[in-house]
Amino acid sequence: MMTIEEISMADVKEIAVMENKYMYAPYSLTVLNEMLKNPNCIGFKVVEDGVTAGYISGQTVIDEFNINNVVVKENYRRKGYATALIEKVIERCKAENIKKLYLEVAQSNEAARKLYEKMGFKFSYERKKYYGNQSALVLIKSI
């Protein structure tokens, strides 16, 4: 069974491992610890049978929310976990009267781009060579 829970300090090491395995520019353990201490940052994890299968993190700036990372372990993908995590963030944002969500996605990450498009995120602009030789697309969703 899948559940979604808020990330706690006890989750930081496991999240750092996922960051290092799946992200182009992973957050360090120190940065992850500092983010969790920041009251403007939130994070959720998706848990299946006691295993953290993925997580989402981000930060509120006034009435906007920037999604920093959405990561789902490879063997848990295509089960709707990323969608569930994003929906949980949207639910929290609505409760806090946040009007817009932002995120960046690597131009080559077609699976993530399709997911975000399906969820109503719209292209805003491109950050050329943001991920080394590859561009990041900045997407926005009004809620």
N, C-alpha and C. Protein backbone atom coordinates (compact mmCIF):
# COMPACT_ATOMS: atom_id res chain seq x y z
N MET A 1 0.82 -1.18 0.00
CA MET A 1 0.00 0.00 0.00
C MET A 1 0.88 1.26 0.00
N MET A 2 0.46 2.27 -0.73
CA MET A 2 1.20 3.51 -0.87
C MET A 2 0.62 4.57 0.06
N THR A 3 1.51 5.28 0.76
CA THR A 3 1.12 6.42 1.57
C THR A 3 2.03 7.60 1.25
N ILE A 4 1.54 8.80 1.54
CA ILE A 4 2.37 9.99 1.38
C ILE A 4 2.49 10.64 2.75
N GLU A 5 3.74 10.93 3.12
CA GLU A 5 4.04 11.49 4.44
C GLU A 5 4.97 12.68 4.29
N GLU A 6 4.94 13.57 5.27
CA GLU A 6 5.89 14.67 5.28
C GLU A 6 7.28 14.13 5.55
N ILE A 7 8.26 14.75 4.92
CA ILE A 7 9.65 14.36 5.14
C ILE A 7 10.08 14.89 6.51
N SER A 8 10.86 14.08 7.22
CA SER A 8 11.42 14.50 8.51
C SER A 8 12.94 14.42 8.44
N MET A 9 13.57 14.90 9.49
CA MET A 9 15.03 14.86 9.54
C MET A 9 15.56 13.43 9.44
N ALA A 10 14.78 12.47 9.88
CA ALA A 10 15.18 11.06 9.82
C ALA A 10 15.29 10.56 8.37
N ASP A 11 14.67 11.29 7.42
CA ASP A 11 14.66 10.87 6.02
C ASP A 11 15.81 11.45 5.20
N VAL A 12 16.55 12.39 5.77
CA VAL A 12 17.51 13.16 4.99
C VAL A 12 18.60 12.29 4.35
N LYS A 13 19.14 11.35 5.08
CA LYS A 13 20.21 10.52 4.51
C LYS A 13 19.71 9.71 3.32
N GLU A 14 18.53 9.13 3.45
CA GLU A 14 17.97 8.34 2.35
C GLU A 14 17.67 9.22 1.13
N ILE A 15 17.18 10.43 1.38
CA ILE A 15 16.90 11.35 0.28
C ILE A 15 18.21 11.77 -0.40
N ALA A 16 19.25 11.98 0.40
CA ALA A 16 20.56 12.33 -0.18
C ALA A 16 21.06 11.22 -1.10
N VAL A 17 20.83 9.98 -0.72
CA VAL A 17 21.24 8.85 -1.57
C VAL A 17 20.47 8.91 -2.90
N MET A 18 19.15 9.16 -2.84
CA MET A 18 18.35 9.26 -4.07
C MET A 18 18.82 10.44 -4.91
N GLU A 19 19.11 11.56 -4.27
CA GLU A 19 19.61 12.74 -4.98
C GLU A 19 20.86 12.36 -5.78
N ASN A 20 21.81 11.71 -5.09
CA ASN A 20 23.07 11.36 -5.74
C ASN A 20 22.90 10.36 -6.87
N LYS A 21 21.92 9.50 -6.75
CA LYS A 21 21.71 8.48 -7.78
C LYS A 21 20.95 9.01 -9.00
N TYR A 22 19.97 9.90 -8.77
CA TYR A 22 19.05 10.25 -9.85
C TYR A 22 19.11 11.70 -10.35
N MET A 23 19.80 12.58 -9.63
CA MET A 23 19.77 13.99 -10.02
C MET A 23 21.08 14.40 -10.68
N TYR A 24 20.97 15.27 -11.67
CA TYR A 24 22.16 15.79 -12.37
C TYR A 24 23.01 16.62 -11.41
N ALA A 25 22.37 17.48 -10.63
CA ALA A 25 23.07 18.33 -9.67
C ALA A 25 22.44 18.09 -8.29
N PRO A 26 22.84 17.02 -7.62
CA PRO A 26 22.18 16.65 -6.36
C PRO A 26 22.46 17.64 -5.23
N TYR A 27 21.48 17.78 -4.35
CA TYR A 27 21.67 18.56 -3.13
C TYR A 27 22.52 17.74 -2.18
N SER A 28 23.40 18.43 -1.45
CA SER A 28 24.23 17.75 -0.46
C SER A 28 23.39 17.47 0.79
N LEU A 29 23.92 16.63 1.64
CA LEU A 29 23.28 16.31 2.91
C LEU A 29 23.09 17.59 3.73
N THR A 30 24.09 18.45 3.71
CA THR A 30 24.02 19.72 4.45
C THR A 30 22.89 20.59 3.93
N VAL A 31 22.77 20.73 2.62
CA VAL A 31 21.72 21.55 2.02
C VAL A 31 20.35 20.96 2.34
N LEU A 32 20.22 19.65 2.24
CA LEU A 32 18.94 19.00 2.56
C LEU A 32 18.55 19.24 4.02
N ASN A 33 19.51 19.16 4.92
CA ASN A 33 19.25 19.43 6.34
C ASN A 33 18.78 20.86 6.54
N GLU A 34 19.44 21.79 5.89
CA GLU A 34 19.07 23.21 6.02
C GLU A 34 17.68 23.48 5.43
N MET A 35 17.37 22.82 4.31
CA MET A 35 16.05 23.00 3.70
C MET A 35 14.95 22.55 4.66
N LEU A 36 15.16 21.42 5.31
CA LEU A 36 14.13 20.91 6.22
C LEU A 36 13.94 21.81 7.44
N LYS A 37 14.96 22.54 7.81
CA LYS A 37 14.86 23.47 8.94
C LYS A 37 14.16 24.77 8.53
N ASN A 38 14.10 25.05 7.24
CA ASN A 38 13.50 26.29 6.74
C ASN A 38 11.98 26.14 6.74
N PRO A 39 11.26 27.03 7.44
CA PRO A 39 9.80 26.92 7.50
C PRO A 39 9.10 27.13 6.14
N ASN A 40 9.80 27.72 5.18
CA ASN A 40 9.23 27.92 3.85
C ASN A 40 9.40 26.72 2.94
N CYS A 41 10.15 25.73 3.38
CA CYS A 41 10.37 24.52 2.58
C CYS A 41 9.45 23.40 3.05
N ILE A 42 8.95 22.66 2.09
CA ILE A 42 8.18 21.47 2.43
C ILE A 42 8.65 20.31 1.58
N GLY A 43 8.39 19.14 2.09
CA GLY A 43 8.74 17.94 1.35
C GLY A 43 7.84 16.80 1.77
N PHE A 44 7.54 15.96 0.80
CA PHE A 44 6.75 14.76 1.05
C PHE A 44 7.47 13.57 0.46
N LYS A 45 7.23 12.41 1.07
CA LYS A 45 7.77 11.18 0.51
C LYS A 45 6.62 10.23 0.26
N VAL A 46 6.81 9.38 -0.74
CA VAL A 46 5.84 8.33 -1.01
C VAL A 46 6.46 7.04 -0.49
N VAL A 47 5.67 6.32 0.30
CA VAL A 47 6.16 5.10 0.95
C VAL A 47 5.30 3.93 0.50
N GLU A 48 5.96 2.85 0.08
CA GLU A 48 5.25 1.63 -0.29
C GLU A 48 5.84 0.49 0.53
N ASP A 49 5.00 -0.15 1.31
CA ASP A 49 5.42 -1.28 2.15
C ASP A 49 6.67 -0.96 2.97
N GLY A 50 6.70 0.22 3.57
CA GLY A 50 7.80 0.63 4.43
C GLY A 50 9.02 1.16 3.73
N VAL A 51 9.00 1.19 2.39
CA VAL A 51 10.15 1.67 1.63
C VAL A 51 9.83 3.04 1.03
N THR A 52 10.76 3.99 1.20
CA THR A 52 10.60 5.29 0.56
C THR A 52 10.87 5.11 -0.93
N ALA A 53 9.82 5.29 -1.72
CA ALA A 53 9.91 5.08 -3.17
C ALA A 53 10.24 6.36 -3.92
N GLY A 54 10.00 7.51 -3.29
CA GLY A 54 10.28 8.77 -3.94
C GLY A 54 9.95 9.93 -3.02
N TYR A 55 10.24 11.12 -3.51
CA TYR A 55 9.95 12.31 -2.71
C TYR A 55 9.84 13.54 -3.61
N ILE A 56 9.31 14.59 -3.01
CA ILE A 56 9.21 15.89 -3.66
C ILE A 56 9.61 16.93 -2.63
N SER A 57 10.29 17.97 -3.08
CA SER A 57 10.65 19.05 -2.16
C SER A 57 10.51 20.38 -2.88
N GLY A 58 10.33 21.42 -2.10
CA GLY A 58 10.22 22.74 -2.70
C GLY A 58 10.14 23.82 -1.64
N GLN A 59 9.98 25.05 -2.13
CA GLN A 59 10.02 26.20 -1.24
C GLN A 59 9.01 27.25 -1.66
N THR A 60 8.34 27.82 -0.65
CA THR A 60 7.39 28.90 -0.86
C THR A 60 8.13 30.24 -0.86
N VAL A 61 7.79 31.08 -1.84
CA VAL A 61 8.27 32.45 -1.87
C VAL A 61 7.03 33.32 -2.08
N ILE A 62 6.59 33.98 -1.03
CA ILE A 62 5.39 34.81 -0.98
C ILE A 62 4.18 33.98 -1.38
N ASP A 63 3.63 34.16 -2.60
CA ASP A 63 2.46 33.38 -3.01
C ASP A 63 2.78 32.44 -4.16
N GLU A 64 4.04 32.03 -4.24
CA GLU A 64 4.48 31.09 -5.27
C GLU A 64 5.23 29.94 -4.60
N PHE A 65 5.25 28.81 -5.29
CA PHE A 65 5.96 27.65 -4.77
C PHE A 65 6.86 27.11 -5.87
N ASN A 66 8.13 26.93 -5.55
CA ASN A 66 9.08 26.36 -6.50
C ASN A 66 9.35 24.91 -6.12
N ILE A 67 9.01 24.00 -7.02
CA ILE A 67 9.31 22.59 -6.81
C ILE A 67 10.79 22.40 -7.14
N ASN A 68 11.57 21.99 -6.15
CA ASN A 68 13.00 21.78 -6.37
C ASN A 68 13.27 20.46 -7.08
N ASN A 69 12.74 19.38 -6.52
CA ASN A 69 13.01 18.05 -7.07
C ASN A 69 11.82 17.13 -6.88
N VAL A 70 11.61 16.31 -7.88
CA VAL A 70 10.67 15.20 -7.81
C VAL A 70 11.49 13.97 -8.21
N VAL A 71 11.64 13.04 -7.30
CA VAL A 71 12.45 11.85 -7.57
C VAL A 71 11.65 10.61 -7.19
N VAL A 72 11.61 9.66 -8.11
CA VAL A 72 11.01 8.35 -7.82
C VAL A 72 12.06 7.31 -8.21
N LYS A 73 12.32 6.39 -7.27
CA LYS A 73 13.29 5.33 -7.56
C LYS A 73 12.87 4.57 -8.82
N GLU A 74 13.87 4.15 -9.57
CA GLU A 74 13.62 3.52 -10.87
C GLU A 74 12.61 2.36 -10.81
N ASN A 75 12.74 1.49 -9.84
CA ASN A 75 11.86 0.32 -9.78
C ASN A 75 10.45 0.64 -9.27
N TYR A 76 10.17 1.91 -8.96
CA TYR A 76 8.83 2.33 -8.53
C TYR A 76 8.17 3.27 -9.53
N ARG A 77 8.81 3.49 -10.64
CA ARG A 77 8.27 4.43 -11.63
C ARG A 77 7.08 3.82 -12.37
N ARG A 78 6.29 4.71 -12.98
CA ARG A 78 5.13 4.36 -13.78
C ARG A 78 4.01 3.74 -12.92
N LYS A 79 3.97 4.16 -11.66
CA LYS A 79 2.92 3.71 -10.74
C LYS A 79 2.06 4.89 -10.27
N GLY A 80 2.34 6.09 -10.78
CA GLY A 80 1.58 7.27 -10.39
C GLY A 80 2.12 7.98 -9.16
N TYR A 81 3.31 7.59 -8.70
CA TYR A 81 3.84 8.18 -7.47
C TYR A 81 4.23 9.64 -7.65
N ALA A 82 4.86 9.99 -8.76
CA ALA A 82 5.21 11.40 -9.00
C ALA A 82 3.95 12.25 -9.07
N THR A 83 2.94 11.75 -9.74
CA THR A 83 1.66 12.46 -9.82
C THR A 83 1.08 12.66 -8.42
N ALA A 84 1.09 11.62 -7.61
CA ALA A 84 0.55 11.71 -6.25
C ALA A 84 1.32 12.73 -5.41
N LEU A 85 2.63 12.76 -5.56
CA LEU A 85 3.44 13.73 -4.82
C LEU A 85 3.13 15.16 -5.24
N ILE A 86 3.04 15.38 -6.54
CA ILE A 86 2.72 16.73 -7.04
C ILE A 86 1.33 17.15 -6.60
N GLU A 87 0.37 16.22 -6.65
CA GLU A 87 -0.99 16.53 -6.20
C GLU A 87 -1.00 16.89 -4.71
N LYS A 88 -0.17 16.24 -3.91
CA LYS A 88 -0.07 16.55 -2.49
C LYS A 88 0.47 17.96 -2.29
N VAL A 89 1.47 18.34 -3.08
CA VAL A 89 2.01 19.70 -3.00
C VAL A 89 0.95 20.72 -3.42
N ILE A 90 0.22 20.42 -4.48
CA ILE A 90 -0.84 21.33 -4.93
C ILE A 90 -1.90 21.50 -3.84
N GLU A 91 -2.28 20.40 -3.19
CA GLU A 91 -3.25 20.46 -2.10
C GLU A 91 -2.74 21.38 -0.98
N ARG A 92 -1.48 21.23 -0.59
CA ARG A 92 -0.89 22.07 0.46
C ARG A 92 -0.83 23.52 0.01
N CYS A 93 -0.44 23.74 -1.24
CA CYS A 93 -0.34 25.10 -1.76
C CYS A 93 -1.70 25.80 -1.75
N LYS A 94 -2.73 25.09 -2.17
CA LYS A 94 -4.08 25.67 -2.15
C LYS A 94 -4.48 26.04 -0.74
N ALA A 95 -4.17 25.19 0.22
CA ALA A 95 -4.52 25.45 1.62
C ALA A 95 -3.78 26.68 2.14
N GLU A 96 -2.61 26.97 1.57
CA GLU A 96 -1.81 28.12 2.00
C GLU A 96 -1.98 29.32 1.07
N ASN A 97 -2.98 29.26 0.19
CA ASN A 97 -3.30 30.36 -0.72
C ASN A 97 -2.15 30.72 -1.67
N ILE A 98 -1.41 29.72 -2.09
CA ILE A 98 -0.33 29.92 -3.05
C ILE A 98 -0.94 29.86 -4.45
N LYS A 99 -0.54 30.78 -5.31
CA LYS A 99 -1.20 30.96 -6.60
C LYS A 99 -0.51 30.27 -7.77
N LYS A 100 0.81 30.10 -7.70
CA LYS A 100 1.55 29.52 -8.83
C LYS A 100 2.60 28.54 -8.36
N LEU A 101 2.80 27.51 -9.17
CA LEU A 101 3.87 26.54 -8.97
C LEU A 101 4.87 26.70 -10.10
N TYR A 102 6.13 26.61 -9.77
CA TYR A 102 7.21 26.65 -10.76
C TYR A 102 8.04 25.39 -10.62
N LEU A 103 8.63 24.98 -11.73
CA LEU A 103 9.63 23.92 -11.69
C LEU A 103 10.51 24.01 -12.91
N GLU A 104 11.66 23.36 -12.82
CA GLU A 104 12.57 23.26 -13.96
C GLU A 104 12.70 21.79 -14.31
N VAL A 105 12.79 21.53 -15.60
CA VAL A 105 12.97 20.16 -16.05
C VAL A 105 14.00 20.15 -17.19
N ALA A 106 14.86 19.16 -17.18
CA ALA A 106 15.84 19.04 -18.26
C ALA A 106 15.10 18.84 -19.57
N GLN A 107 15.54 19.54 -20.59
CA GLN A 107 14.89 19.49 -21.89
C GLN A 107 14.81 18.05 -22.41
N SER A 108 15.80 17.23 -22.08
CA SER A 108 15.84 15.86 -22.58
C SER A 108 14.99 14.88 -21.76
N ASN A 109 14.45 15.31 -20.62
CA ASN A 109 13.69 14.42 -19.75
C ASN A 109 12.23 14.36 -20.23
N GLU A 110 12.04 13.60 -21.28
CA GLU A 110 10.74 13.54 -21.95
C GLU A 110 9.63 12.98 -21.04
N ALA A 111 9.95 11.97 -20.26
CA ALA A 111 8.92 11.38 -19.37
C ALA A 111 8.42 12.42 -18.37
N ALA A 112 9.33 13.16 -17.75
CA ALA A 112 8.93 14.19 -16.78
C ALA A 112 8.17 15.31 -17.49
N ARG A 113 8.63 15.71 -18.64
CA ARG A 113 7.95 16.79 -19.38
C ARG A 113 6.51 16.40 -19.70
N LYS A 114 6.30 15.15 -20.12
CA LYS A 114 4.94 14.69 -20.43
C LYS A 114 4.07 14.68 -19.18
N LEU A 115 4.64 14.24 -18.06
CA LEU A 115 3.90 14.23 -16.80
C LEU A 115 3.48 15.65 -16.42
N TYR A 116 4.41 16.57 -16.45
CA TYR A 116 4.11 17.95 -16.06
C TYR A 116 3.07 18.58 -16.99
N GLU A 117 3.20 18.30 -18.27
CA GLU A 117 2.22 18.81 -19.23
C GLU A 117 0.82 18.25 -18.93
N LYS A 118 0.76 16.95 -18.65
CA LYS A 118 -0.51 16.30 -18.32
C LYS A 118 -1.13 16.92 -17.07
N MET A 119 -0.28 17.39 -16.15
CA MET A 119 -0.75 17.98 -14.90
C MET A 119 -1.03 19.48 -15.02
N GLY A 120 -0.90 20.02 -16.22
CA GLY A 120 -1.28 21.42 -16.45
C GLY A 120 -0.16 22.43 -16.34
N PHE A 121 1.07 21.99 -16.25
CA PHE A 121 2.19 22.92 -16.26
C PHE A 121 2.41 23.41 -17.69
N LYS A 122 2.72 24.71 -17.81
CA LYS A 122 2.92 25.33 -19.13
C LYS A 122 4.35 25.85 -19.23
N PHE A 123 4.90 25.76 -20.44
CA PHE A 123 6.25 26.28 -20.70
C PHE A 123 6.28 27.79 -20.47
N SER A 124 7.29 28.26 -19.76
CA SER A 124 7.47 29.69 -19.54
C SER A 124 8.70 30.21 -20.29
N TYR A 125 9.86 29.61 -20.01
CA TYR A 125 11.07 30.02 -20.72
C TYR A 125 12.14 28.94 -20.58
N GLU A 126 13.22 29.10 -21.31
CA GLU A 126 14.31 28.13 -21.34
C GLU A 126 15.55 28.74 -20.70
N ARG A 127 16.23 27.96 -19.89
CA ARG A 127 17.53 28.34 -19.34
C ARG A 127 18.58 27.53 -20.08
N LYS A 128 19.24 28.18 -21.01
CA LYS A 128 20.21 27.49 -21.86
C LYS A 128 21.40 26.98 -21.04
N LYS A 129 21.79 25.75 -21.35
CA LYS A 129 22.95 25.09 -20.74
C LYS A 129 22.90 25.12 -19.21
N TYR A 130 21.73 25.04 -18.66
CA TYR A 130 21.55 25.06 -17.21
C TYR A 130 22.08 23.78 -16.57
N TYR A 131 21.90 22.67 -17.27
CA TYR A 131 22.42 21.38 -16.81
C TYR A 131 23.59 20.99 -17.71
N GLY A 132 24.71 21.65 -17.55
CA GLY A 132 25.86 21.37 -18.41
C GLY A 132 25.56 21.81 -19.83
N ASN A 133 25.54 20.86 -20.75
CA ASN A 133 25.25 21.18 -22.15
C ASN A 133 23.77 21.19 -22.47
N GLN A 134 22.95 20.89 -21.51
CA GLN A 134 21.53 20.79 -21.80
C GLN A 134 20.72 21.89 -21.10
N SER A 135 19.69 22.30 -21.76
CA SER A 135 18.86 23.38 -21.26
C SER A 135 17.83 22.87 -20.25
N ALA A 136 17.41 23.79 -19.38
CA ALA A 136 16.29 23.53 -18.47
C ALA A 136 15.10 24.31 -18.98
N LEU A 137 13.94 23.69 -18.93
CA LEU A 137 12.71 24.37 -19.29
C LEU A 137 12.02 24.74 -17.98
N VAL A 138 11.64 26.00 -17.86
CA VAL A 138 10.93 26.47 -16.68
C VAL A 138 9.44 26.38 -17.00
N LEU A 139 8.72 25.66 -16.16
CA LEU A 139 7.30 25.45 -16.34
C LEU A 139 6.52 26.08 -15.18
N ILE A 140 5.31 26.54 -15.48
CA ILE A 140 4.47 27.20 -14.48
C ILE A 140 3.08 26.59 -14.50
N LYS A 141 2.49 26.50 -13.33
CA LYS A 141 1.09 26.07 -13.21
C LYS A 141 0.39 27.03 -12.26
N SER A 142 -0.70 27.63 -12.72
CA SER A 142 -1.53 28.45 -11.86
C SER A 142 -2.53 27.56 -11.15
N ILE A 143 -2.74 27.86 -9.87
CA ILE A 143 -3.72 27.05 -9.10
C ILE A 143 -4.71 27.95 -8.40
